[in-house]
Amino acid sequence: MTEQRRFFDEIALGEEYESPGRTVTESDIVMFAGLSGDYNVLHTDAEFMKQSIFGERIAHGLLGLAIQSGLFGRATQAYATLAFVGLRWKFKAPVKIGDTIRLRAKVIARKDLSEPGRGLVTLERTLLNQRDEVVQQGETDLIVEKRA
């Protein structure tokens, strides 16, 4: 069975999606620190962070951004994406160990590109925790293949 992908022509302005939840674990943070090389005490020193404004370790902001990208793939059928070309993003609140985050996304713009067979899709994305608090939010731009 071949993977079904949604082409630019099949994506409508105003479409909305919501992903299932995904719980952020201590292992996620440790592995992301190793992958990124970011061992900042905010993410790696439990004792130090007990005295911080957060009271405990928090996830890397970029880990949340990466997780939301994966959650997008669980929120809707895969787009025929050729490239991720733009990002405008805000980190609004910490993601802590044990938080369950989910993504809400909405298609807010579509534009034909001068290159044949391609279109630009802009998505508004909101990452929420289990208390419905917005932890990250922004817009992404994707170049999506048109159906031949």
C-alpha atoms as a PDB file:
ATOM      1  CA  MET A   1       0.000   0.000   0.000  1.00  0.00           C
ATOM      2  CA  THR A   2       1.433   3.372  -0.970  1.00  0.00           C
ATOM      3  CA  GLU A   3       1.347   6.325   1.368  1.00  0.00           C
ATOM      4  CA  GLN A   4      -1.471   8.727   0.588  1.00  0.00           C
ATOM      5  CA  ARG A   5      -0.340  12.349   0.480  1.00  0.00           C
ATOM      6  CA  ARG A   6      -2.450  15.483   0.135  1.00  0.00           C
ATOM      7  CA  PHE A   7      -1.428  17.783  -2.684  1.00  0.00           C
ATOM      8  CA  PHE A   8      -1.646  21.579  -2.713  1.00  0.00           C
ATOM      9  CA  ASP A   9      -4.838  21.449  -4.796  1.00  0.00           C
ATOM     10  CA  GLU A  10      -6.553  19.345  -2.111  1.00  0.00           C
ATOM     11  CA  ILE A  11      -5.759  21.636   0.847  1.00  0.00           C
ATOM     12  CA  ALA A  12      -8.462  24.227   1.552  1.00  0.00           C
ATOM     13  CA  LEU A  13      -8.107  27.592   3.235  1.00  0.00           C
ATOM     14  CA  GLY A  14      -9.534  27.377   6.745  1.00  0.00           C
ATOM     15  CA  GLU A  15      -8.979  23.646   7.293  1.00  0.00           C
ATOM     16  CA  GLU A  16      -8.380  22.881  10.971  1.00  0.00           C
ATOM     17  CA  TYR A  17      -6.671  19.923  12.603  1.00  0.00           C
ATOM     18  CA  GLU A  18      -5.990  18.704  16.131  1.00  0.00           C
ATOM     19  CA  SER A  19      -3.493  16.039  17.076  1.00  0.00           C
ATOM     20  CA  PRO A  20      -3.707  13.471  19.830  1.00  0.00           C
ATOM     21  CA  GLY A  21      -1.673  14.218  22.949  1.00  0.00           C
ATOM     22  CA  ARG A  22       1.928  13.262  23.559  1.00  0.00           C
ATOM     23  CA  THR A  23       3.480  13.199  27.026  1.00  0.00           C
ATOM     24  CA  VAL A  24       6.943  14.760  27.343  1.00  0.00           C
ATOM     25  CA  THR A  25       9.271  12.538  29.349  1.00  0.00           C
ATOM     26  CA  GLU A  26      12.567  12.979  31.145  1.00  0.00           C
ATOM     27  CA  SER A  27      14.081  10.712  28.482  1.00  0.00           C
ATOM     28  CA  ASP A  28      12.918  13.098  25.749  1.00  0.00           C
ATOM     29  CA  ILE A  29      14.757  15.972  27.433  1.00  0.00           C
ATOM     30  CA  VAL A  30      17.920  13.950  28.095  1.00  0.00           C
ATOM     31  CA  MET A  31      18.040  12.642  24.523  1.00  0.00           C
ATOM     32  CA  PHE A  32      17.403  16.113  23.075  1.00  0.00           C
ATOM     33  CA  ALA A  33      20.219  17.553  25.222  1.00  0.00           C
ATOM     34  CA  GLY A  34      22.543  14.900  23.810  1.00  0.00           C
ATOM     35  CA  LEU A  35      21.383  15.430  20.246  1.00  0.00           C
ATOM     36  CA  SER A  36      21.537  19.233  20.354  1.00  0.00           C
ATOM     37  CA  GLY A  37      24.478  19.635  22.721  1.00  0.00           C
ATOM     38  CA  ASP A  38      22.331  21.985  24.861  1.00  0.00           C
ATOM     39  CA  TYR A  39      23.024  20.945  28.451  1.00  0.00           C
ATOM     40  CA  ASN A  40      21.741  24.177  30.012  1.00  0.00           C
ATOM     41  CA  VAL A  41      20.854  23.737  33.696  1.00  0.00           C
ATOM     42  CA  LEU A  42      17.232  24.616  32.869  1.00  0.00           C
ATOM     43  CA  HIS A  43      16.981  21.177  31.292  1.00  0.00           C
ATOM     44  CA  THR A  44      19.569  19.076  33.101  1.00  0.00           C
ATOM     45  CA  ASP A  45      20.006  20.073  36.781  1.00  0.00           C
ATOM     46  CA  ALA A  46      17.046  18.969  38.905  1.00  0.00           C
ATOM     47  CA  GLU A  47      18.483  20.338  42.175  1.00  0.00           C
ATOM     48  CA  PHE A  48      19.297  23.765  40.737  1.00  0.00           C
ATOM     49  CA  MET A  49      15.882  24.028  39.118  1.00  0.00           C
ATOM     50  CA  LYS A  50      14.059  23.366  42.414  1.00  0.00           C
ATOM     51  CA  GLN A  51      15.073  26.929  43.377  1.00  0.00           C
ATOM     52  CA  SER A  52      14.099  28.445  39.997  1.00  0.00           C
ATOM     53  CA  ILE A  53      10.907  30.243  38.999  1.00  0.00           C
ATOM     54  CA  PHE A  54       9.796  26.984  37.351  1.00  0.00           C
ATOM     55  CA  GLY A  55      10.442  24.761  40.388  1.00  0.00           C
ATOM     56  CA  GLU A  56      11.650  21.899  38.204  1.00  0.00           C
ATOM     57  CA  ARG A  57      13.443  21.130  34.946  1.00  0.00           C
ATOM     58  CA  ILE A  58      11.773  22.262  31.750  1.00  0.00           C
ATOM     59  CA  ALA A  59      11.972  20.976  28.195  1.00  0.00           C
ATOM     60  CA  HIS A  60      14.056  22.776  25.598  1.00  0.00           C
ATOM     61  CA  GLY A  61      11.901  25.187  23.604  1.00  0.00           C
ATOM     62  CA  LEU A  62      13.230  23.652  20.413  1.00  0.00           C
ATOM     63  CA  LEU A  63      12.215  20.199  21.659  1.00  0.00           C
ATOM     64  CA  GLY A  64       8.619  21.449  21.871  1.00  0.00           C
ATOM     65  CA  LEU A  65       8.949  22.874  18.365  1.00  0.00           C
ATOM     66  CA  ALA A  66      10.252  19.540  17.077  1.00  0.00           C
ATOM     67  CA  ILE A  67       7.496  17.575  18.820  1.00  0.00           C
ATOM     68  CA  GLN A  68       4.799  19.805  17.339  1.00  0.00           C
ATOM     69  CA  SER A  69       6.181  19.055  13.895  1.00  0.00           C
ATOM     70  CA  GLY A  70       5.681  15.356  14.528  1.00  0.00           C
ATOM     71  CA  LEU A  71       2.236  15.962  16.003  1.00  0.00           C
ATOM     72  CA  PHE A  72       1.221  17.738  12.795  1.00  0.00           C
ATOM     73  CA  GLY A  73       1.770  14.460  10.973  1.00  0.00           C
ATOM     74  CA  ARG A  74      -0.609  12.779  13.426  1.00  0.00           C
ATOM     75  CA  ALA A  75      -3.241  15.509  13.096  1.00  0.00           C
ATOM     76  CA  THR A  76      -3.919  15.170   9.374  1.00  0.00           C
ATOM     77  CA  GLN A  77      -3.051  13.075   6.361  1.00  0.00           C
ATOM     78  CA  ALA A  78       0.501  13.852   5.239  1.00  0.00           C
ATOM     79  CA  TYR A  79       0.928  16.732   2.837  1.00  0.00           C
ATOM     80  CA  ALA A  80       3.004  16.280  -0.333  1.00  0.00           C
ATOM     81  CA  THR A  81       5.542  18.635   1.243  1.00  0.00           C
ATOM     82  CA  LEU A  82       8.624  19.546  -0.754  1.00  0.00           C
ATOM     83  CA  ALA A  83      10.158  21.957   1.776  1.00  0.00           C
ATOM     84  CA  PHE A  84       9.664  23.659   5.121  1.00  0.00           C
ATOM     85  CA  VAL A  85      10.562  27.253   4.205  1.00  0.00           C
ATOM     86  CA  GLY A  86       9.445  29.603   6.960  1.00  0.00           C
ATOM     87  CA  LEU A  87       8.792  29.912  10.664  1.00  0.00           C
ATOM     88  CA  ARG A  88       7.494  32.690  12.913  1.00  0.00           C
ATOM     89  CA  TRP A  89       7.331  31.321  16.453  1.00  0.00           C
ATOM     90  CA  LYS A  90       6.727  32.329  20.084  1.00  0.00           C
ATOM     91  CA  PHE A  91       7.596  30.342  23.198  1.00  0.00           C
ATOM     92  CA  LYS A  92       4.811  31.305  25.625  1.00  0.00           C
ATOM     93  CA  ALA A  93       5.121  28.968  28.627  1.00  0.00           C
ATOM     94  CA  PRO A  94       7.371  26.132  29.805  1.00  0.00           C
ATOM     95  CA  VAL A  95       6.811  22.492  28.927  1.00  0.00           C
ATOM     96  CA  LYS A  96       7.606  20.336  31.951  1.00  0.00           C
ATOM     97  CA  ILE A  97       8.344  16.661  32.406  1.00  0.00           C
ATOM     98  CA  GLY A  98       4.990  14.870  32.431  1.00  0.00           C
ATOM     99  CA  ASP A  99       3.122  17.524  30.441  1.00  0.00           C
ATOM    100  CA  THR A 100       0.913  16.144  27.675  1.00  0.00           C
ATOM    101  CA  ILE A 101       0.982  18.450  24.691  1.00  0.00           C
ATOM    102  CA  ARG A 102      -1.132  18.529  21.551  1.00  0.00           C
ATOM    103  CA  LEU A 103      -1.233  20.620  18.405  1.00  0.00           C
ATOM    104  CA  ARG A 104      -4.014  22.650  16.851  1.00  0.00           C
ATOM    105  CA  ALA A 105      -3.359  23.838  13.312  1.00  0.00           C
ATOM    106  CA  LYS A 106      -5.255  25.880  10.751  1.00  0.00           C
ATOM    107  CA  VAL A 107      -4.537  26.651   7.100  1.00  0.00           C
ATOM    108  CA  ILE A 108      -4.470  30.465   7.022  1.00  0.00           C
ATOM    109  CA  ALA A 109      -3.041  31.099   3.533  1.00  0.00           C
ATOM    110  CA  ARG A 110      -2.495  29.374   0.181  1.00  0.00           C
ATOM    111  CA  LYS A 111      -0.530  30.821  -2.693  1.00  0.00           C
ATOM    112  CA  ASP A 112       0.426  29.566  -6.135  1.00  0.00           C
ATOM    113  CA  LEU A 113       4.169  29.818  -6.752  1.00  0.00           C
ATOM    114  CA  SER A 114       5.890  30.768  -9.988  1.00  0.00           C
ATOM    115  CA  GLU A 115       7.693  27.421 -10.058  1.00  0.00           C
ATOM    116  CA  PRO A 116       5.464  24.915 -11.837  1.00  0.00           C
ATOM    117  CA  GLY A 117       3.853  22.244  -9.719  1.00  0.00           C
ATOM    118  CA  ARG A 118       4.241  24.042  -6.381  1.00  0.00           C
ATOM    119  CA  GLY A 119       2.192  26.052  -3.936  1.00  0.00           C
ATOM    120  CA  LEU A 120       2.834  27.701  -0.569  1.00  0.00           C
ATOM    121  CA  VAL A 121       0.675  26.743   2.429  1.00  0.00           C
ATOM    122  CA  THR A 122       0.831  28.812   5.624  1.00  0.00           C
ATOM    123  CA  LEU A 123      -0.373  27.183   8.828  1.00  0.00           C
ATOM    124  CA  GLU A 124      -1.162  28.767  12.157  1.00  0.00           C
ATOM    125  CA  ARG A 125      -0.008  26.306  14.821  1.00  0.00           C
ATOM    126  CA  THR A 126      -0.784  26.312  18.542  1.00  0.00           C
ATOM    127  CA  LEU A 127       0.819  23.892  20.998  1.00  0.00           C
ATOM    128  CA  LEU A 128      -1.267  23.350  24.142  1.00  0.00           C
ATOM    129  CA  ASN A 129      -0.644  21.457  27.362  1.00  0.00           C
ATOM    130  CA  GLN A 130      -3.096  19.268  29.295  1.00  0.00           C
ATOM    131  CA  ARG A 131      -4.568  22.380  30.967  1.00  0.00           C
ATOM    132  CA  ASP A 132      -5.320  23.965  27.548  1.00  0.00           C
ATOM    133  CA  GLU A 133      -2.590  26.569  28.165  1.00  0.00           C
ATOM    134  CA  VAL A 134      -0.805  27.793  25.053  1.00  0.00           C
ATOM    135  CA  VAL A 135       2.868  26.867  25.449  1.00  0.00           C
ATOM    136  CA  GLN A 136       4.052  27.670  21.917  1.00  0.00           C
ATOM    137  CA  GLN A 137       2.441  29.332  18.930  1.00  0.00           C
ATOM    138  CA  GLY A 138       3.279  30.568  15.495  1.00  0.00           C
ATOM    139  CA  GLU A 139       3.076  30.172  11.755  1.00  0.00           C
ATOM    140  CA  THR A 140       4.865  27.853   9.371  1.00  0.00           C
ATOM    141  CA  ASP A 141       5.257  27.987   5.598  1.00  0.00           C
ATOM    142  CA  LEU A 142       5.411  24.812   3.517  1.00  0.00           C
ATOM    143  CA  ILE A 143       5.992  24.341  -0.179  1.00  0.00           C
ATOM    144  CA  VAL A 144       3.564  21.634  -1.237  1.00  0.00           C
ATOM    145  CA  GLU A 145       3.555  19.751  -4.511  1.00  0.00           C
ATOM    146  CA  LYS A 146       0.597  20.202  -6.869  1.00  0.00           C
ATOM    147  CA  ARG A 147      -1.053  17.161  -8.362  1.00  0.00           C
ATOM    148  CA  ALA A 148       0.423  16.426 -11.801  1.00  0.00           C
END
